[in-house]
Amino acid sequence: MTAPEALVLWEAQFGDFINGAQVVVDQFLVSGIAKWRQTSRLTLLLPHGYEGNGPEHSSARLERFLQLAAQENIRIVNATTSAQYFHLLRRQALDPNARPLVVMTPKGLLRLKEASSTLADLAEGGFAPVLDDPAAKRERVTKLVLTSGKLYYDIAGHELRERASTIAIARIEQLYPFPVEAAARLVVSYPALEEVVWAQEEPQNMGAWRAIRHRLEEAVGGLPLAYAGRPWRASPSEGYPTAHARAQDRIVREVLERPNADAVAGG
């Protein structure tokens, strides 16, 4: 607030480091505009992504920020490409409506080739709140998978993906304010669509699902909407890599193999 001409970024080594700042987040960051009409462009970069490193290193408690989001008080993003991240920071610096920005930053995407962007992508365009499946055969798609963050690459790179030609995988890059209209346009662009699945790697009582379900239902219209992810858990993730790998593989197979009803039951 004392340096409005600067874009200040606070980066955590691990996402759970935000736990120590929870009082500041609750009392000042998310409620400042409602209490005192004071806001800022403060940007939180919080590593968040399930990569087998245990509970404390997996989650930045995305669900907490979504619970605190109301009246467009903050922005919450899980960008999946370098161009998206670049344009996001430009927007954050230049947007006349200053708001705090919370960015989920999976460590696994730092060196992932598939998450890189061309110079043209960086030089042109802007941040997109929704990213469509670039390889989808629109007339054949009957199932649309919506996801956010690094799980997209786990699904898109799975061995079953090449055989799932009737499935499209799209990304919700901005979780709040939720891009309902953009998501709705995406859904109606698939003429043969029969079902939509929300896939996340967090437990069902964590992550984005419970906070954005009503927005997803609004976007998909009357189509069936299912959940695929970890079941309800008291801890964010497994404590050792073998269990993590099994859980990740199960989620992806639910998305690419099993019918909708199984995906719901899995939650």
Protein backbone atom coordinates (compact mmCIF):
# COMPACT_ATOMS: atom_id res chain seq x y z
CA MET A 1 0.00 0.00 0.00
CA THR A 2 2.92 2.35 0.65
CA ALA A 3 4.36 1.66 -2.82
CA PRO A 4 1.38 1.63 -5.20
CA GLU A 5 3.66 2.09 -8.22
CA ALA A 6 5.38 -1.25 -7.50
CA LEU A 7 4.20 -4.81 -8.05
CA VAL A 8 5.13 -6.61 -4.84
CA LEU A 9 5.34 -10.41 -4.94
CA TRP A 10 5.61 -12.61 -1.84
CA GLU A 11 6.87 -16.07 -2.72
CA ALA A 12 6.71 -19.06 -0.39
CA GLN A 13 9.23 -21.88 -0.59
CA PHE A 14 6.34 -24.27 -0.03
CA GLY A 15 2.64 -23.54 -0.21
CA ASP A 16 1.95 -24.42 3.41
CA PHE A 17 4.15 -21.51 4.49
CA ILE A 18 0.99 -19.41 4.08
CA ASN A 19 -0.32 -21.06 7.27
CA GLY A 20 1.85 -18.73 9.33
CA ALA A 21 0.37 -15.69 7.61
CA GLN A 22 -3.28 -16.74 7.93
CA VAL A 23 -4.15 -14.04 10.46
CA VAL A 24 -2.78 -11.33 8.16
CA VAL A 25 -4.64 -12.80 5.20
CA ASP A 26 -7.95 -12.97 7.09
CA GLN A 27 -7.79 -9.65 8.92
CA PHE A 28 -6.23 -7.43 6.28
CA LEU A 29 -5.62 -8.88 2.83
CA VAL A 30 -9.05 -10.25 1.91
CA SER A 31 -11.21 -7.98 4.06
CA GLY A 32 -9.38 -4.65 3.77
CA ILE A 33 -11.54 -3.27 0.98
CA ALA A 34 -14.75 -4.12 2.86
CA LYS A 35 -13.50 -2.77 6.18
CA TRP A 36 -11.54 0.30 5.17
CA ARG A 37 -11.83 0.57 1.36
CA GLN A 38 -8.12 -0.19 1.18
CA THR A 39 -6.63 -2.72 -1.21
CA SER A 40 -3.35 -3.49 -2.96
CA ARG A 41 -1.73 -5.41 -5.80
CA LEU A 42 0.14 -7.71 -3.43
CA THR A 43 0.74 -11.01 -5.23
CA LEU A 44 1.20 -14.28 -3.36
CA LEU A 45 3.12 -17.02 -5.19
CA LEU A 46 2.32 -20.25 -3.37
CA PRO A 47 3.68 -23.60 -4.56
CA HIS A 48 0.70 -25.95 -4.84
CA GLY A 49 0.64 -29.31 -6.57
CA TYR A 50 0.68 -32.97 -5.66
CA GLU A 51 4.10 -34.34 -6.54
CA GLY A 52 4.71 -36.99 -3.89
CA ASN A 53 6.50 -34.79 -1.36
CA GLY A 54 4.02 -35.22 1.47
CA PRO A 55 1.11 -33.21 2.92
CA GLU A 56 2.96 -30.05 3.96
CA HIS A 57 4.66 -29.62 0.59
CA SER A 58 1.60 -30.34 -1.55
CA SER A 59 -1.04 -27.82 -0.61
CA ALA A 60 -1.22 -24.04 -0.34
CA ARG A 61 -4.74 -24.50 1.00
CA LEU A 62 -6.47 -23.31 -2.13
CA GLU A 63 -9.83 -24.01 -0.51
CA ARG A 64 -9.20 -21.40 2.17
CA PHE A 65 -8.66 -18.62 -0.34
CA LEU A 66 -11.77 -19.63 -2.29
CA GLN A 67 -13.76 -19.58 0.94
CA LEU A 68 -12.50 -16.05 1.62
CA ALA A 69 -13.27 -14.82 -1.91
CA ALA A 70 -16.37 -12.61 -2.23
CA GLN A 71 -17.40 -9.29 -3.72
CA GLU A 72 -14.39 -9.52 -6.07
CA ASN A 73 -12.03 -8.83 -3.18
CA ILE A 74 -9.15 -10.97 -4.50
CA ARG A 75 -8.07 -12.87 -7.61
CA ILE A 76 -7.15 -16.55 -7.49
CA VAL A 77 -5.31 -18.15 -10.41
CA ASN A 78 -3.65 -21.47 -11.22
CA ALA A 79 -1.74 -20.73 -14.43
CA THR A 80 -0.36 -23.65 -16.44
CA THR A 81 1.90 -22.06 -19.06
CA SER A 82 4.72 -19.53 -18.96
CA ALA A 83 2.80 -17.19 -21.27
CA GLN A 84 -0.25 -17.31 -19.02
CA TYR A 85 1.92 -16.48 -16.02
CA PHE A 86 3.65 -13.63 -17.88
CA HIS A 87 0.40 -12.06 -19.06
CA LEU A 88 -1.12 -12.56 -15.61
CA LEU A 89 1.63 -10.52 -13.94
CA ARG A 90 1.35 -7.81 -16.60
CA ARG A 91 -2.39 -7.63 -15.98
CA GLN A 92 -1.85 -7.49 -12.24
CA ALA A 93 0.55 -4.55 -12.61
CA LEU A 94 -1.57 -2.58 -15.08
CA ASP A 95 -5.20 -3.33 -14.14
CA PRO A 96 -6.76 -0.09 -12.85
CA ASN A 97 -8.77 -2.11 -10.32
CA ALA A 98 -6.09 -3.15 -7.85
CA ARG A 99 -6.75 -6.38 -6.00
CA PRO A 100 -4.52 -8.89 -4.20
CA LEU A 101 -3.61 -11.85 -6.41
CA VAL A 102 -3.11 -15.42 -5.18
CA VAL A 103 -1.25 -17.67 -7.61
CA MET A 104 -0.91 -21.41 -7.22
CA THR A 105 2.58 -22.20 -8.57
CA PRO A 106 3.26 -25.93 -8.96
CA LYS A 107 6.97 -26.67 -8.73
CA GLY A 108 6.65 -29.45 -11.27
CA LEU A 109 5.84 -26.94 -14.02
CA LEU A 110 9.08 -24.98 -13.59
CA ARG A 111 11.02 -27.27 -15.93
CA LEU A 112 8.17 -29.06 -17.70
CA LYS A 113 8.66 -28.65 -21.44
CA GLU A 114 4.94 -28.88 -22.16
CA ALA A 115 4.30 -25.83 -19.95
CA SER A 116 6.68 -23.62 -21.92
CA SER A 117 5.51 -20.99 -24.40
CA THR A 118 6.81 -19.50 -27.64
CA LEU A 119 8.06 -15.95 -27.98
CA ALA A 120 4.93 -15.19 -29.99
CA ASP A 121 2.75 -16.40 -27.11
CA LEU A 122 4.63 -14.09 -24.78
CA ALA A 123 4.66 -11.09 -27.10
CA GLU A 124 1.01 -11.27 -28.15
CA GLY A 125 -2.38 -11.84 -26.57
CA GLY A 126 -3.20 -11.74 -22.88
CA PHE A 127 -4.20 -13.86 -19.93
CA ALA A 128 -7.00 -16.33 -20.69
CA PRO A 129 -9.19 -17.44 -17.74
CA VAL A 130 -10.12 -20.63 -19.63
CA LEU A 131 -7.93 -22.72 -21.95
CA ASP A 132 -9.60 -25.10 -24.40
CA ASP A 133 -8.19 -28.46 -25.49
CA PRO A 134 -5.96 -27.63 -28.48
CA ALA A 135 -6.17 -31.16 -29.89
CA ALA A 136 -9.88 -31.84 -29.43
CA LYS A 137 -11.93 -33.15 -32.35
CA ARG A 138 -14.97 -31.09 -31.48
CA GLU A 139 -17.59 -33.06 -33.39
CA ARG A 140 -16.60 -36.32 -31.68
CA VAL A 141 -16.23 -35.16 -28.08
CA THR A 142 -18.85 -36.59 -25.71
CA LYS A 143 -17.06 -35.95 -22.39
CA LEU A 144 -15.46 -32.67 -21.34
CA VAL A 145 -12.98 -32.79 -18.48
CA LEU A 146 -12.46 -29.50 -16.67
CA THR A 147 -9.43 -29.22 -14.41
CA SER A 148 -6.98 -26.67 -13.04
CA GLY A 149 -3.24 -26.62 -12.48
CA LYS A 150 -0.66 -29.35 -13.00
CA LEU A 151 -3.19 -32.20 -13.03
CA TYR A 152 -3.89 -31.18 -16.62
CA TYR A 153 -0.46 -32.44 -17.65
CA ASP A 154 -0.91 -35.67 -15.70
CA ILE A 155 -4.10 -36.34 -17.66
CA ALA A 156 -2.91 -35.10 -21.05
CA GLY A 157 0.33 -37.06 -20.79
CA HIS A 158 -1.16 -40.33 -19.54
CA GLU A 159 -0.78 -43.48 -21.63
CA LEU A 160 -4.58 -43.75 -21.99
CA ARG A 161 -4.96 -40.26 -23.46
CA GLU A 162 -4.30 -41.26 -27.07
CA ARG A 163 -7.14 -43.78 -26.98
CA ALA A 164 -9.63 -41.36 -25.43
CA SER A 165 -10.50 -39.51 -28.62
CA THR A 166 -14.02 -38.63 -27.47
CA ILE A 167 -12.69 -36.78 -24.40
CA ALA A 168 -11.57 -33.15 -24.33
CA ILE A 169 -9.50 -31.68 -21.49
CA ALA A 170 -9.86 -27.97 -20.74
CA ARG A 171 -8.34 -25.83 -18.03
CA ILE A 172 -9.93 -23.31 -15.69
CA GLU A 173 -6.98 -20.97 -15.14
CA GLN A 174 -8.80 -18.36 -13.05
CA LEU A 175 -10.77 -19.79 -10.16
CA TYR A 176 -11.96 -16.46 -8.76
CA PRO A 177 -13.68 -14.42 -10.03
CA PHE A 178 -14.94 -17.55 -11.76
CA PRO A 179 -15.26 -17.11 -15.57
CA VAL A 180 -18.81 -18.44 -15.90
CA GLU A 181 -19.46 -16.99 -19.34
CA ALA A 182 -16.16 -18.24 -20.80
CA ALA A 183 -16.78 -21.69 -19.35
CA ALA A 184 -20.32 -21.74 -20.73
CA ARG A 185 -19.07 -20.79 -24.21
CA LEU A 186 -16.56 -23.61 -23.99
CA VAL A 187 -19.25 -26.15 -23.11
CA VAL A 188 -21.62 -25.18 -25.93
CA SER A 189 -18.77 -25.32 -28.46
CA TYR A 190 -18.88 -29.13 -28.23
CA PRO A 191 -22.07 -30.12 -30.10
CA ALA A 192 -22.09 -33.82 -29.13
CA LEU A 193 -21.26 -33.29 -25.45
CA GLU A 194 -23.02 -35.64 -23.01
CA GLU A 195 -21.21 -35.10 -19.70
CA VAL A 196 -18.76 -32.86 -17.88
CA VAL A 197 -16.30 -33.98 -15.20
CA TRP A 198 -14.43 -31.78 -12.76
CA ALA A 199 -11.04 -33.36 -12.01
CA GLN A 200 -8.74 -32.29 -9.18
CA GLU A 201 -5.88 -33.89 -7.31
CA GLU A 202 -6.89 -32.49 -3.92
CA PRO A 203 -9.34 -34.34 -1.63
CA GLN A 204 -13.00 -33.64 -2.25
CA ASN A 205 -13.28 -31.47 0.88
CA MET A 206 -10.28 -29.42 -0.25
CA GLY A 207 -9.20 -27.80 -3.50
CA ALA A 208 -11.65 -25.95 -5.73
CA TRP A 209 -14.57 -28.37 -6.08
CA ARG A 210 -16.77 -27.37 -3.16
CA ALA A 211 -16.28 -23.64 -3.76
CA ILE A 212 -16.91 -23.58 -7.51
CA ARG A 213 -19.39 -26.42 -7.98
CA HIS A 214 -22.36 -24.07 -8.25
CA ARG A 215 -20.48 -22.01 -10.84
CA LEU A 216 -19.68 -25.14 -12.83
CA GLU A 217 -23.32 -26.20 -12.73
CA GLU A 218 -24.30 -22.79 -14.06
CA ALA A 219 -21.77 -23.09 -16.88
CA VAL A 220 -22.67 -26.63 -18.00
CA GLY A 221 -26.39 -25.98 -18.14
CA GLY A 222 -28.38 -29.19 -17.88
CA LEU A 223 -25.51 -31.57 -18.59
CA PRO A 224 -24.48 -34.11 -15.92
CA LEU A 225 -21.57 -32.88 -13.79
CA ALA A 226 -19.33 -35.38 -11.98
CA TYR A 227 -16.34 -35.24 -9.66
CA ALA A 228 -13.06 -37.14 -10.03
CA GLY A 229 -10.33 -36.78 -7.42
CA ARG A 230 -9.24 -37.88 -4.00
CA PRO A 231 -12.02 -38.75 -1.54
CA TRP A 232 -12.58 -36.72 1.63
CA ARG A 233 -9.43 -36.60 3.73
CA ALA A 234 -8.23 -35.02 6.98
CA SER A 235 -4.73 -34.54 5.54
CA PRO A 236 -4.06 -32.89 2.17
CA SER A 237 -2.09 -35.76 0.60
CA GLU A 238 -0.32 -39.05 1.07
CA GLY A 239 2.91 -39.17 3.04
CA TYR A 240 5.09 -41.19 0.66
CA PRO A 241 5.67 -41.31 -3.11
CA THR A 242 4.32 -44.82 -3.83
CA ALA A 243 0.89 -44.03 -2.40
CA HIS A 244 0.93 -40.68 -4.20
CA ALA A 245 1.64 -42.31 -7.57
CA ARG A 246 -1.20 -44.80 -7.09
CA ALA A 247 -3.65 -42.07 -6.15
CA GLN A 248 -2.69 -39.88 -9.11
CA ASP A 249 -3.00 -42.78 -11.53
CA ARG A 250 -6.41 -43.71 -10.14
CA ILE A 251 -7.73 -40.17 -10.65
CA VAL A 252 -6.51 -40.00 -14.25
CA ARG A 253 -7.96 -43.42 -15.04
CA GLU A 254 -11.32 -42.38 -13.59
CA VAL A 255 -11.29 -39.46 -15.97
CA LEU A 256 -10.14 -41.32 -19.09
CA GLU A 257 -11.60 -44.80 -18.55
CA ARG A 258 -14.55 -45.09 -16.25
CA PRO A 259 -18.13 -43.88 -16.79
CA ASN A 260 -19.44 -40.82 -15.06
CA ALA A 261 -21.20 -42.73 -12.28
CA ASP A 262 -17.93 -44.31 -11.16
CA ALA A 263 -16.23 -40.96 -11.00
CA VAL A 264 -18.97 -39.66 -8.70
CA ALA A 265 -18.78 -42.75 -6.51
CA GLY A 266 -15.00 -42.36 -6.27
CA GLY A 267 -15.53 -39.05 -4.49
